[in-house]
C-alpha atoms as a PDB file:
ATOM      1  CA  MET A   1    -161.093 -12.902  19.578  1.00  0.00           C
ATOM      2  CA  THR A   2    -162.170 -13.231  16.222  1.00  0.00           C
ATOM      3  CA  ILE A   3    -161.876 -10.629  13.228  1.00  0.00           C
ATOM      4  CA  VAL A   4    -164.959  -9.581  11.204  1.00  0.00           C
ATOM      5  CA  THR A   5    -164.614  -9.109   7.654  1.00  0.00           C
ATOM      6  CA  ILE A   6    -166.682  -8.004   5.158  1.00  0.00           C
ATOM      7  CA  THR A   7    -166.928  -9.253   1.639  1.00  0.00           C
ATOM      8  CA  ILE A   8    -168.029  -7.391  -1.468  1.00  0.00           C
ATOM      9  CA  ALA A   9    -167.726  -7.330  -5.101  1.00  0.00           C
ATOM     10  CA  ALA A  10    -165.681  -5.142  -7.051  1.00  0.00           C
ATOM     11  CA  GLY A  11    -169.146  -2.875  -8.533  1.00  0.00           C
ATOM     12  CA  GLU A  12    -170.504  -2.661  -5.271  1.00  0.00           C
ATOM     13  CA  PHE A  13    -167.026  -1.600  -3.832  1.00  0.00           C
ATOM     14  CA  LYS A  14    -166.713   0.985  -6.944  1.00  0.00           C
ATOM     15  CA  ALA A  15    -170.035   2.458  -6.367  1.00  0.00           C
ATOM     16  CA  LYS A  16    -169.786   2.456  -2.380  1.00  0.00           C
ATOM     17  CA  CYS A  17    -166.737   3.276  -2.329  1.00  0.00           C
ATOM     18  CA  LEU A  18    -166.538   6.394  -0.053  1.00  0.00           C
ATOM     19  CA  SER A  19    -168.969   5.142   2.359  1.00  0.00           C
ATOM     20  CA  LEU A  20    -166.952   1.744   2.496  1.00  0.00           C
ATOM     21  CA  LEU A  21    -163.601   3.815   3.225  1.00  0.00           C
ATOM     22  CA  ASP A  22    -165.415   5.655   6.599  1.00  0.00           C
ATOM     23  CA  GLU A  23    -166.907   2.582   7.319  1.00  0.00           C
ATOM     24  CA  VAL A  24    -163.493   0.963   7.648  1.00  0.00           C
ATOM     25  CA  GLN A  25    -162.206   3.564   9.655  1.00  0.00           C
ATOM     26  CA  SER A  26    -164.892   4.123  12.024  1.00  0.00           C
ATOM     27  CA  SER A  27    -165.218   0.265  12.667  1.00  0.00           C
ATOM     28  CA  ARG A  28    -161.288  -1.269  12.349  1.00  0.00           C
ATOM     29  CA  THR A  29    -162.797  -3.948  10.276  1.00  0.00           C
ATOM     30  CA  GLY A  30    -161.224  -4.740   6.880  1.00  0.00           C
ATOM     31  CA  ILE A  31    -162.872  -5.772   3.522  1.00  0.00           C
ATOM     32  CA  VAL A  32    -162.321  -8.549   0.948  1.00  0.00           C
ATOM     33  CA  ILE A  33    -162.853  -6.835  -2.461  1.00  0.00           C
ATOM     34  CA  THR A  34    -163.980  -9.788  -4.730  1.00  0.00           C
ATOM     35  CA  LYS A  35    -164.506 -10.322  -8.419  1.00  0.00           C
ATOM     36  CA  ARG A  36    -166.260 -12.779  -9.803  1.00  0.00           C
ATOM     37  CA  GLY A  37    -166.322 -14.772  -6.857  1.00  0.00           C
ATOM     38  CA  ARG A  38    -162.330 -14.570  -6.409  1.00  0.00           C
ATOM     39  CA  PRO A  39    -161.024 -11.969  -3.389  1.00  0.00           C
ATOM     40  CA  VAL A  40    -158.867  -9.634  -5.883  1.00  0.00           C
ATOM     41  CA  ALA A  41    -158.449  -6.859  -3.353  1.00  0.00           C
ATOM     42  CA  ARG A  42    -158.071  -6.137   1.125  1.00  0.00           C
ATOM     43  CA  LEU A  43    -159.614  -3.053   2.487  1.00  0.00           C
ATOM     44  CA  VAL A  44    -158.019  -2.337   5.946  1.00  0.00           C
ATOM     45  CA  PRO A  45    -157.437   0.074   8.684  1.00  0.00           C
ATOM     46  CA  VAL A  46    -154.406   2.093   8.461  1.00  0.00           C
ATOM     47  CA  ASP A  47    -152.113   1.756  11.875  1.00  0.00           C
ATOM     48  CA  GLU A  48    -151.762   5.438  13.433  1.00  0.00           C
ATOM     49  CA  GLU A  49    -148.065   5.402  13.254  1.00  0.00           C
ATOM     50  CA  ILE A  50    -146.425   7.586  15.947  1.00  0.00           C
ATOM     51  CA  GLN A  51    -143.863   9.925  14.830  1.00  0.00           C
ATOM     52  CA  GLU A  52    -140.744   9.932  16.363  1.00  0.00           C
ATOM     53  CA  PRO A  53    -139.435  14.202  16.866  1.00  0.00           C
ATOM     54  CA  LEU A  54    -137.282  15.543  14.392  1.00  0.00           C
ATOM     55  CA  PHE A  55    -134.809  17.077  16.543  1.00  0.00           C
ATOM     56  CA  GLY A  56    -132.538  14.438  18.503  1.00  0.00           C
ATOM     57  CA  ARG A  57    -133.337  11.892  16.196  1.00  0.00           C
ATOM     58  CA  MET A  58    -129.527  11.559  15.594  1.00  0.00           C
ATOM     59  CA  ARG A  59    -129.061  11.391  18.962  1.00  0.00           C
ATOM     60  CA  GLY A  60    -126.022   8.698  20.073  1.00  0.00           C
ATOM     61  CA  THR A  61    -124.844   8.186  16.758  1.00  0.00           C
ATOM     62  CA  ILE A  62    -122.227  10.520  16.720  1.00  0.00           C
ATOM     63  CA  SER A  63    -118.565  10.229  18.901  1.00  0.00           C
ATOM     64  CA  ILE A  64    -116.061  13.089  19.262  1.00  0.00           C
ATOM     65  CA  SER A  65    -112.785  11.295  19.733  1.00  0.00           C
ATOM     66  CA  GLY A  66    -110.295  14.064  20.165  1.00  0.00           C
ATOM     67  CA  ASP A  67    -109.821  17.437  21.009  1.00  0.00           C
ATOM     68  CA  ILE A  68    -111.772  19.235  17.848  1.00  0.00           C
ATOM     69  CA  ILE A  69    -110.106  22.755  18.753  1.00  0.00           C
ATOM     70  CA  GLU A  70    -106.844  22.799  18.891  1.00  0.00           C
ATOM     71  CA  PRO A  71    -105.296  23.391  15.896  1.00  0.00           C
ATOM     72  CA  VAL A  72    -103.659  19.664  14.328  1.00  0.00           C
ATOM     73  CA  ASP A  73    -100.169  19.738  13.645  1.00  0.00           C
ATOM     74  CA  GLU A  74     -99.758  19.764   9.792  1.00  0.00           C
ATOM     75  CA  THR A  75     -99.596  22.936   7.470  1.00  0.00           C
ATOM     76  CA  TRP A  76    -101.844  23.059   4.876  1.00  0.00           C
ATOM     77  CA  ASP A  77    -101.838  25.521   1.852  1.00  0.00           C
ATOM     78  CA  ALA A  78    -105.241  26.991   1.337  1.00  0.00           C
ATOM     79  CA  GLY A  79    -105.326  27.643  -2.038  1.00  0.00           C
ATOM     80  CA  ALA A  80    -103.659  30.954  -2.033  1.00  0.00           C
END
């Protein structure tokens, strides 16, 4: 499988930036941006990230040891 990469000069990239962004998104190919014939940057499509659900994210990270409802055997002063 070959990956096609387009090479474009920085001045041309500057003039066509928005249309090139759309092209990268639709065609899923990268663009190498050159300055005086030397590559200086690469524009690549972003992989779609799978968002984890907010609720249940910490499931399994907490464990309860002992009875959390029954009072402890210590007496303490609440600062009264």
